[in-house]
Amino acid sequence: NRLTVETIRRLARWSGAGRLRRLGLSGNRLGPGGTEALVASDAFSSLQVLTLNDTVLSTPGVQLLATARKLPALTHLQLNRNGMNESGVRALARSPLLAQLE
């Protein structure tokens, strides 16, 4: 898997992005820039499941995700092996996104 930040931006511009319900990006080294590309776009508003295991988000990427307002349908989020620290966990715990997850 070699998706990049630019790949995520292109995916957001794809006309079918609004119909996506599940998006699995595990194993791609997206980092915080990839997270920013995801959460900045209105294209992913129908996503229900987002899998970001081992994507090198680190704490900055997780903090960006925690502030996401454009993922209203999200009910499942996977963030295993992303190297976040305590402040990343706190950001997720305070995030409105957490309340909508099952």
N, C-alpha and C. Protein backbone atom coordinates (compact mmCIF):
# COMPACT_ATOMS: atom_id res chain seq x y z
N ASN A 1 0.85 -1.19 0.00
CA ASN A 1 0.00 0.00 0.00
C ASN A 1 0.88 1.23 0.00
N ARG A 2 0.69 2.07 -0.96
CA ARG A 2 1.53 3.26 -1.08
C ARG A 2 0.71 4.50 -1.38
N LEU A 3 -0.42 4.61 -0.73
CA LEU A 3 -1.23 5.81 -0.93
C LEU A 3 -0.55 6.98 -0.25
N THR A 4 -0.70 8.14 -0.83
CA THR A 4 -0.08 9.35 -0.31
C THR A 4 -1.16 10.38 0.03
N VAL A 5 -0.74 11.48 0.56
CA VAL A 5 -1.66 12.58 0.85
C VAL A 5 -2.35 13.02 -0.44
N GLU A 6 -1.60 13.10 -1.51
CA GLU A 6 -2.19 13.51 -2.80
C GLU A 6 -3.22 12.49 -3.27
N THR A 7 -2.99 11.22 -3.01
CA THR A 7 -3.97 10.20 -3.38
C THR A 7 -5.28 10.42 -2.64
N ILE A 8 -5.20 10.78 -1.37
CA ILE A 8 -6.40 11.05 -0.57
C ILE A 8 -7.13 12.27 -1.13
N ARG A 9 -6.38 13.28 -1.51
CA ARG A 9 -7.00 14.48 -2.11
C ARG A 9 -7.71 14.14 -3.41
N ARG A 10 -7.09 13.28 -4.22
CA ARG A 10 -7.72 12.85 -5.48
C ARG A 10 -8.98 12.03 -5.20
N LEU A 11 -8.91 11.18 -4.21
CA LEU A 11 -10.07 10.39 -3.82
C LEU A 11 -11.22 11.30 -3.39
N ALA A 12 -10.90 12.36 -2.68
CA ALA A 12 -11.92 13.32 -2.24
C ALA A 12 -12.58 14.03 -3.43
N ARG A 13 -11.84 14.20 -4.52
CA ARG A 13 -12.39 14.85 -5.71
C ARG A 13 -13.16 13.89 -6.61
N TRP A 14 -13.03 12.60 -6.38
CA TRP A 14 -13.71 11.59 -7.18
C TRP A 14 -15.22 11.71 -7.00
N SER A 15 -15.96 11.64 -8.07
CA SER A 15 -17.41 11.84 -8.01
C SER A 15 -18.13 10.79 -7.17
N GLY A 16 -17.54 9.62 -6.99
CA GLY A 16 -18.17 8.57 -6.19
C GLY A 16 -17.83 8.61 -4.72
N ALA A 17 -16.98 9.52 -4.30
CA ALA A 17 -16.54 9.56 -2.90
C ALA A 17 -17.71 9.74 -1.93
N GLY A 18 -18.71 10.47 -2.32
CA GLY A 18 -19.85 10.71 -1.45
C GLY A 18 -20.70 9.48 -1.20
N ARG A 19 -20.50 8.43 -2.00
CA ARG A 19 -21.25 7.19 -1.82
C ARG A 19 -20.49 6.16 -0.99
N LEU A 20 -19.24 6.46 -0.65
CA LEU A 20 -18.44 5.53 0.15
C LEU A 20 -19.02 5.41 1.56
N ARG A 21 -19.18 4.18 2.00
CA ARG A 21 -19.63 3.92 3.38
C ARG A 21 -18.49 3.39 4.23
N ARG A 22 -17.53 2.73 3.58
CA ARG A 22 -16.38 2.15 4.26
C ARG A 22 -15.11 2.58 3.53
N LEU A 23 -14.10 2.92 4.29
CA LEU A 23 -12.82 3.28 3.69
C LEU A 23 -11.72 2.69 4.56
N GLY A 24 -10.94 1.81 3.98
CA GLY A 24 -9.83 1.18 4.67
C GLY A 24 -8.51 1.66 4.10
N LEU A 25 -7.74 2.33 4.92
CA LEU A 25 -6.46 2.88 4.47
C LEU A 25 -5.29 2.33 5.27
N SER A 26 -5.53 1.27 6.01
CA SER A 26 -4.49 0.68 6.87
C SER A 26 -3.24 0.33 6.08
N GLY A 27 -2.10 0.51 6.74
CA GLY A 27 -0.83 0.15 6.14
C GLY A 27 -0.23 1.20 5.22
N ASN A 28 -0.93 2.28 5.00
CA ASN A 28 -0.41 3.38 4.18
C ASN A 28 0.16 4.45 5.10
N ARG A 29 1.29 4.98 4.75
CA ARG A 29 1.98 5.95 5.60
C ARG A 29 1.42 7.36 5.33
N LEU A 30 0.19 7.57 5.76
CA LEU A 30 -0.49 8.84 5.46
C LEU A 30 -0.02 9.98 6.35
N GLY A 31 0.27 9.69 7.60
CA GLY A 31 0.71 10.71 8.53
C GLY A 31 -0.36 11.76 8.76
N PRO A 32 -0.01 12.82 9.50
CA PRO A 32 -0.98 13.88 9.77
C PRO A 32 -1.52 14.56 8.51
N GLY A 33 -0.72 14.65 7.47
CA GLY A 33 -1.18 15.27 6.22
C GLY A 33 -2.32 14.50 5.59
N GLY A 34 -2.26 13.19 5.66
CA GLY A 34 -3.36 12.37 5.15
C GLY A 34 -4.63 12.56 5.94
N THR A 35 -4.47 12.68 7.25
CA THR A 35 -5.62 12.94 8.12
C THR A 35 -6.25 14.27 7.77
N GLU A 36 -5.42 15.27 7.57
CA GLU A 36 -5.92 16.59 7.21
C GLU A 36 -6.70 16.55 5.90
N ALA A 37 -6.19 15.82 4.93
CA ALA A 37 -6.89 15.69 3.64
C ALA A 37 -8.24 15.01 3.81
N LEU A 38 -8.32 14.04 4.70
CA LEU A 38 -9.59 13.35 4.96
C LEU A 38 -10.61 14.25 5.64
N VAL A 39 -10.18 14.91 6.70
CA VAL A 39 -11.15 15.67 7.51
C VAL A 39 -11.50 17.02 6.90
N ALA A 40 -10.71 17.50 5.96
CA ALA A 40 -10.98 18.80 5.34
C ALA A 40 -12.01 18.71 4.22
N SER A 41 -12.29 17.51 3.77
CA SER A 41 -13.16 17.33 2.62
C SER A 41 -14.59 16.99 3.02
N ASP A 42 -15.54 17.58 2.31
CA ASP A 42 -16.95 17.22 2.50
C ASP A 42 -17.28 15.90 1.80
N ALA A 43 -16.38 15.41 1.00
CA ALA A 43 -16.64 14.23 0.17
C ALA A 43 -16.87 12.95 0.97
N PHE A 44 -16.38 12.89 2.20
CA PHE A 44 -16.47 11.67 2.98
C PHE A 44 -17.59 11.72 4.03
N SER A 45 -18.57 12.54 3.82
CA SER A 45 -19.63 12.72 4.82
C SER A 45 -20.52 11.50 4.99
N SER A 46 -20.48 10.54 4.08
CA SER A 46 -21.29 9.32 4.21
C SER A 46 -20.53 8.15 4.83
N LEU A 47 -19.25 8.36 5.12
CA LEU A 47 -18.44 7.28 5.69
C LEU A 47 -19.00 6.83 7.02
N GLN A 48 -19.17 5.52 7.15
CA GLN A 48 -19.60 4.94 8.41
C GLN A 48 -18.45 4.21 9.10
N VAL A 49 -17.54 3.66 8.32
CA VAL A 49 -16.42 2.89 8.85
C VAL A 49 -15.13 3.45 8.26
N LEU A 50 -14.21 3.84 9.12
CA LEU A 50 -12.91 4.35 8.68
C LEU A 50 -11.82 3.57 9.41
N THR A 51 -11.00 2.88 8.63
CA THR A 51 -9.94 2.05 9.20
C THR A 51 -8.59 2.68 8.87
N LEU A 52 -7.90 3.13 9.91
CA LEU A 52 -6.63 3.83 9.74
C LEU A 52 -5.53 3.17 10.57
N ASN A 53 -5.53 1.85 10.65
CA ASN A 53 -4.50 1.14 11.41
C ASN A 53 -3.15 1.30 10.72
N ASP A 54 -2.12 1.53 11.54
CA ASP A 54 -0.74 1.56 11.04
C ASP A 54 -0.57 2.54 9.87
N THR A 55 -1.05 3.75 10.07
CA THR A 55 -0.94 4.78 9.02
C THR A 55 -0.05 5.94 9.44
N VAL A 56 0.68 5.79 10.52
CA VAL A 56 1.64 6.77 11.00
C VAL A 56 0.97 8.12 11.29
N LEU A 57 -0.23 8.07 11.80
CA LEU A 57 -0.92 9.33 12.10
C LEU A 57 -0.20 10.09 13.20
N SER A 58 0.30 9.37 14.19
CA SER A 58 0.93 9.94 15.37
C SER A 58 -0.06 10.89 16.08
N THR A 59 0.40 11.51 17.12
CA THR A 59 -0.48 12.38 17.91
C THR A 59 -1.05 13.54 17.10
N PRO A 60 -0.27 14.26 16.28
CA PRO A 60 -0.87 15.36 15.50
C PRO A 60 -2.00 14.91 14.58
N GLY A 61 -1.84 13.76 13.94
CA GLY A 61 -2.89 13.27 13.06
C GLY A 61 -4.14 12.88 13.82
N VAL A 62 -3.96 12.26 14.97
CA VAL A 62 -5.10 11.88 15.80
C VAL A 62 -5.81 13.12 16.33
N GLN A 63 -5.04 14.14 16.69
CA GLN A 63 -5.65 15.39 17.16
C GLN A 63 -6.47 16.04 16.04
N LEU A 64 -5.98 16.01 14.82
CA LEU A 64 -6.75 16.52 13.69
C LEU A 64 -8.04 15.74 13.51
N LEU A 65 -7.95 14.44 13.59
CA LEU A 65 -9.12 13.58 13.46
C LEU A 65 -10.14 13.88 14.55
N ALA A 66 -9.66 14.16 15.74
CA ALA A 66 -10.54 14.45 16.87
C ALA A 66 -11.36 15.72 16.64
N THR A 67 -10.87 16.61 15.81
CA THR A 67 -11.59 17.86 15.53
C THR A 67 -12.47 17.77 14.29
N ALA A 68 -12.54 16.59 13.69
CA ALA A 68 -13.29 16.41 12.44
C ALA A 68 -14.76 16.75 12.62
N ARG A 69 -15.27 17.58 11.75
CA ARG A 69 -16.70 17.94 11.76
C ARG A 69 -17.40 17.47 10.48
N LYS A 70 -16.62 16.90 9.56
CA LYS A 70 -17.18 16.52 8.25
C LYS A 70 -17.33 15.01 8.10
N LEU A 71 -17.44 14.31 9.24
CA LEU A 71 -17.65 12.87 9.22
C LEU A 71 -18.89 12.53 10.06
N PRO A 72 -20.04 13.10 9.73
CA PRO A 72 -21.22 12.95 10.59
C PRO A 72 -21.80 11.55 10.65
N ALA A 73 -21.52 10.70 9.67
CA ALA A 73 -22.10 9.35 9.64
C ALA A 73 -21.18 8.31 10.27
N LEU A 74 -19.97 8.71 10.66
CA LEU A 74 -18.98 7.76 11.16
C LEU A 74 -19.44 7.08 12.45
N THR A 75 -19.44 5.74 12.43
CA THR A 75 -19.81 4.98 13.62
C THR A 75 -18.71 4.01 14.05
N HIS A 76 -17.74 3.74 13.19
CA HIS A 76 -16.65 2.83 13.51
C HIS A 76 -15.32 3.44 13.07
N LEU A 77 -14.38 3.47 13.99
CA LEU A 77 -13.06 4.05 13.72
C LEU A 77 -11.99 3.13 14.30
N GLN A 78 -11.02 2.77 13.49
CA GLN A 78 -9.91 1.94 13.95
C GLN A 78 -8.61 2.71 13.78
N LEU A 79 -7.86 2.79 14.88
CA LEU A 79 -6.62 3.57 14.89
C LEU A 79 -5.45 2.80 15.49
N ASN A 80 -5.42 1.50 15.37
CA ASN A 80 -4.34 0.69 15.96
C ASN A 80 -2.98 1.04 15.37
N ARG A 81 -1.97 0.94 16.20
CA ARG A 81 -0.55 1.10 15.79
C ARG A 81 -0.28 2.43 15.07
N ASN A 82 -0.66 3.52 15.71
CA ASN A 82 -0.40 4.83 15.12
C ASN A 82 0.51 5.71 15.97
N GLY A 83 1.03 5.19 17.05
CA GLY A 83 2.03 5.92 17.83
C GLY A 83 1.53 7.20 18.47
N MET A 84 0.28 7.22 18.89
CA MET A 84 -0.21 8.43 19.56
C MET A 84 0.17 8.39 21.03
N ASN A 85 0.35 9.55 21.60
CA ASN A 85 0.68 9.63 23.02
C ASN A 85 -0.57 10.02 23.82
N GLU A 86 -0.36 10.31 25.07
CA GLU A 86 -1.47 10.61 25.97
C GLU A 86 -2.30 11.81 25.50
N SER A 87 -1.67 12.82 24.94
CA SER A 87 -2.44 13.99 24.48
C SER A 87 -3.33 13.64 23.29
N GLY A 88 -2.90 12.71 22.46
CA GLY A 88 -3.75 12.24 21.36
C GLY A 88 -4.96 11.49 21.88
N VAL A 89 -4.75 10.66 22.89
CA VAL A 89 -5.85 9.92 23.50
C VAL A 89 -6.83 10.89 24.16
N ARG A 90 -6.29 11.90 24.85
CA ARG A 90 -7.16 12.91 25.49
C ARG A 90 -7.97 13.67 24.45
N ALA A 91 -7.35 14.01 23.34
CA ALA A 91 -8.07 14.73 22.27
C ALA A 91 -9.23 13.88 21.75
N LEU A 92 -9.00 12.61 21.56
CA LEU A 92 -10.08 11.72 21.12
C LEU A 92 -11.18 11.61 22.18
N ALA A 93 -10.78 11.51 23.43
CA ALA A 93 -11.75 11.37 24.51
C ALA A 93 -12.66 12.60 24.62
N ARG A 94 -12.15 13.77 24.29
CA ARG A 94 -12.93 15.02 24.35
C ARG A 94 -13.67 15.32 23.06
N SER A 95 -13.40 14.56 22.03
CA SER A 95 -13.93 14.84 20.70
C SER A 95 -15.42 14.50 20.60
N PRO A 96 -16.20 15.36 19.95
CA PRO A 96 -17.60 15.03 19.65
C PRO A 96 -17.70 13.77 18.79
N LEU A 97 -16.66 13.47 18.05
CA LEU A 97 -16.62 12.28 17.21
C LEU A 97 -16.79 11.01 18.05
N LEU A 98 -16.25 11.01 19.24
CA LEU A 98 -16.32 9.83 20.10
C LEU A 98 -17.76 9.46 20.44
N ALA A 99 -18.59 10.45 20.65
CA ALA A 99 -19.99 10.19 21.03
C ALA A 99 -20.79 9.48 19.94
N GLN A 100 -20.40 9.63 18.70
CA GLN A 100 -21.15 9.00 17.61
C GLN A 100 -20.64 7.61 17.27
N LEU A 101 -19.51 7.19 17.86
CA LEU A 101 -18.96 5.87 17.57
C LEU A 101 -19.67 4.80 18.36
N GLU A 102 -19.85 3.63 17.74
CA GLU A 102 -20.50 2.50 18.41
C GLU A 102 -19.47 1.62 19.08
